[in-house]
Amino acid sequence: MKDNRPKNLELQTLHFPLPAITSILHRISGVIIFVGVAVLLLLLAESLSSEQGFSNVQQWLTAPLVKFVLWAVVAGLLYHLIAGIKHLIMDMGVGETLQGGINGARLVVVVSAIAIIALGVWIW
């Protein structure tokens, strides 16, 4: 029996199609949301603790690092929402072909990029 399978699989030589990349990013954005909720709850708890806590949060939100973290969490939420809507539409039977999956992935990337850039402009 001749075995033609690769002996050493180099991950850098693999080229994923766009639907696979958007699916992986959907999972990564879910992890970002999960971690980010803790940060957002921390900010909420501090802002509701007292008047001084509210002032502290207002002051923290002017710092570039906090703005970046806030942008990353909400950007992950936006991407996850848009990709999730695509999955719901596919569950209804729309875009289940190979070309439909590629077109849906392109649409997710374009709409998400526009939304995330608009979010960045709004935050900064």
Protein backbone atom coordinates (compact mmCIF):
# COMPACT_ATOMS: atom_id res chain seq x y z
CA MET A 1 0.00 0.00 0.00
CA LYS A 2 1.46 3.31 -1.09
CA ASP A 3 0.86 6.21 1.29
CA ASN A 4 0.77 9.59 -0.48
CA ARG A 5 -0.10 11.62 2.58
CA PRO A 6 2.31 14.40 3.54
CA LYS A 7 4.95 13.48 6.08
CA ASN A 8 5.44 16.95 7.51
CA LEU A 9 2.41 19.20 7.40
CA GLU A 10 3.49 22.84 7.19
CA LEU A 11 0.65 25.08 8.26
CA GLN A 12 2.15 28.08 6.47
CA THR A 13 1.60 26.39 3.09
CA LEU A 14 -2.14 25.91 3.66
CA HIS A 15 -4.42 28.40 1.94
CA PHE A 16 -7.85 28.64 3.48
CA PRO A 17 -10.82 29.81 1.38
CA LEU A 18 -12.55 33.03 2.44
CA PRO A 19 -15.58 31.27 4.01
CA ALA A 20 -13.22 29.29 6.25
CA ILE A 21 -11.39 32.46 7.30
CA THR A 22 -14.64 34.23 8.15
CA SER A 23 -15.78 31.19 10.13
CA ILE A 24 -12.54 31.14 12.14
CA LEU A 25 -12.83 34.90 12.74
CA HIS A 26 -16.41 34.36 13.93
CA ARG A 27 -15.13 32.00 16.61
CA ILE A 28 -12.28 34.36 17.56
CA SER A 29 -14.71 37.27 17.85
CA GLY A 30 -16.82 35.16 20.22
CA VAL A 31 -13.80 34.71 22.48
CA ILE A 32 -13.07 38.46 22.32
CA ILE A 33 -16.65 39.18 23.34
CA PHE A 34 -16.47 36.67 26.20
CA VAL A 35 -13.33 38.28 27.63
CA GLY A 36 -14.47 41.80 26.81
CA VAL A 37 -17.72 41.46 28.74
CA ALA A 38 -15.65 41.18 31.92
CA VAL A 39 -13.92 44.47 31.12
CA LEU A 40 -17.21 46.18 30.32
CA LEU A 41 -18.80 44.88 33.51
CA LEU A 42 -15.83 46.16 35.49
CA LEU A 43 -16.30 49.62 33.98
CA LEU A 44 -20.05 49.48 34.64
CA ALA A 45 -19.60 48.39 38.26
CA GLU A 46 -17.07 51.15 38.89
CA SER A 47 -19.28 53.78 37.27
CA LEU A 48 -22.28 52.74 39.39
CA SER A 49 -20.37 52.49 42.67
CA SER A 50 -20.31 56.21 43.43
CA GLU A 51 -20.04 59.64 41.92
CA GLN A 52 -16.26 59.39 42.20
CA GLY A 53 -16.35 56.02 40.44
CA PHE A 54 -18.34 57.54 37.60
CA SER A 55 -15.78 60.32 37.30
CA ASN A 56 -12.98 57.74 37.29
CA VAL A 57 -14.60 55.85 34.42
CA GLN A 58 -15.08 59.08 32.48
CA GLN A 59 -11.41 59.85 32.96
CA TRP A 60 -10.34 56.28 31.99
CA LEU A 61 -12.37 56.48 28.79
CA THR A 62 -10.17 59.33 27.58
CA ALA A 63 -7.06 57.11 27.69
CA PRO A 64 -6.02 55.65 24.30
CA LEU A 65 -5.51 52.15 25.71
CA VAL A 66 -9.01 52.01 27.21
CA LYS A 67 -10.46 53.37 23.97
CA PHE A 68 -8.62 50.66 22.05
CA VAL A 69 -9.92 47.92 24.36
CA LEU A 70 -13.45 49.29 24.10
CA TRP A 71 -13.11 49.46 20.30
CA ALA A 72 -11.79 45.88 20.14
CA VAL A 73 -14.67 44.51 22.23
CA VAL A 74 -17.37 46.33 20.29
CA ALA A 75 -15.65 45.52 16.96
CA GLY A 76 -15.70 41.85 17.94
CA LEU A 77 -19.37 42.20 18.79
CA LEU A 78 -20.13 43.85 15.45
CA TYR A 79 -18.28 41.20 13.45
CA HIS A 80 -19.90 38.39 15.45
CA LEU A 81 -23.33 39.93 14.89
CA ILE A 82 -22.86 40.37 11.14
CA ALA A 83 -21.40 36.88 10.66
CA GLY A 84 -24.16 35.44 12.85
CA ILE A 85 -26.82 37.06 10.67
CA LYS A 86 -25.16 35.46 7.63
CA HIS A 87 -25.34 32.08 9.37
CA LEU A 88 -29.02 32.60 10.18
CA ILE A 89 -29.74 33.47 6.54
CA MET A 90 -27.87 30.35 5.42
CA ASP A 91 -29.94 28.30 7.91
CA MET A 92 -33.01 29.44 5.98
CA GLY A 93 -31.53 27.88 2.82
CA VAL A 94 -30.16 31.02 1.16
CA GLY A 95 -26.57 30.91 -0.08
CA GLU A 96 -25.84 27.26 0.63
CA THR A 97 -23.97 26.71 -2.64
CA LEU A 98 -20.21 27.12 -2.93
CA GLN A 99 -20.56 30.44 -4.76
CA GLY A 100 -23.24 31.57 -2.28
CA GLY A 101 -20.87 30.83 0.61
CA ILE A 102 -18.08 32.82 -1.03
CA ASN A 103 -20.41 35.75 -1.79
CA GLY A 104 -21.75 35.67 1.78
CA ALA A 105 -18.23 35.68 3.19
CA ARG A 106 -17.30 38.64 0.99
CA LEU A 107 -20.39 40.49 2.16
CA VAL A 108 -19.54 39.78 5.81
CA VAL A 109 -16.00 41.13 5.35
CA VAL A 110 -17.14 44.30 3.56
CA VAL A 111 -20.03 45.14 5.90
CA SER A 112 -17.94 44.35 8.99
CA ALA A 113 -15.04 46.48 7.79
CA ILE A 114 -17.34 49.44 7.17
CA ALA A 115 -19.03 49.03 10.56
CA ILE A 116 -15.75 48.61 12.45
CA ILE A 117 -14.15 51.62 10.76
CA ALA A 118 -17.24 53.72 11.51
CA LEU A 119 -17.05 52.56 15.13
CA GLY A 120 -13.40 53.60 15.32
CA VAL A 121 -14.22 57.05 13.97
CA TRP A 122 -17.05 57.37 16.49
CA ILE A 123 -14.90 56.31 19.46
CA TRP A 124 -11.94 58.51 18.58
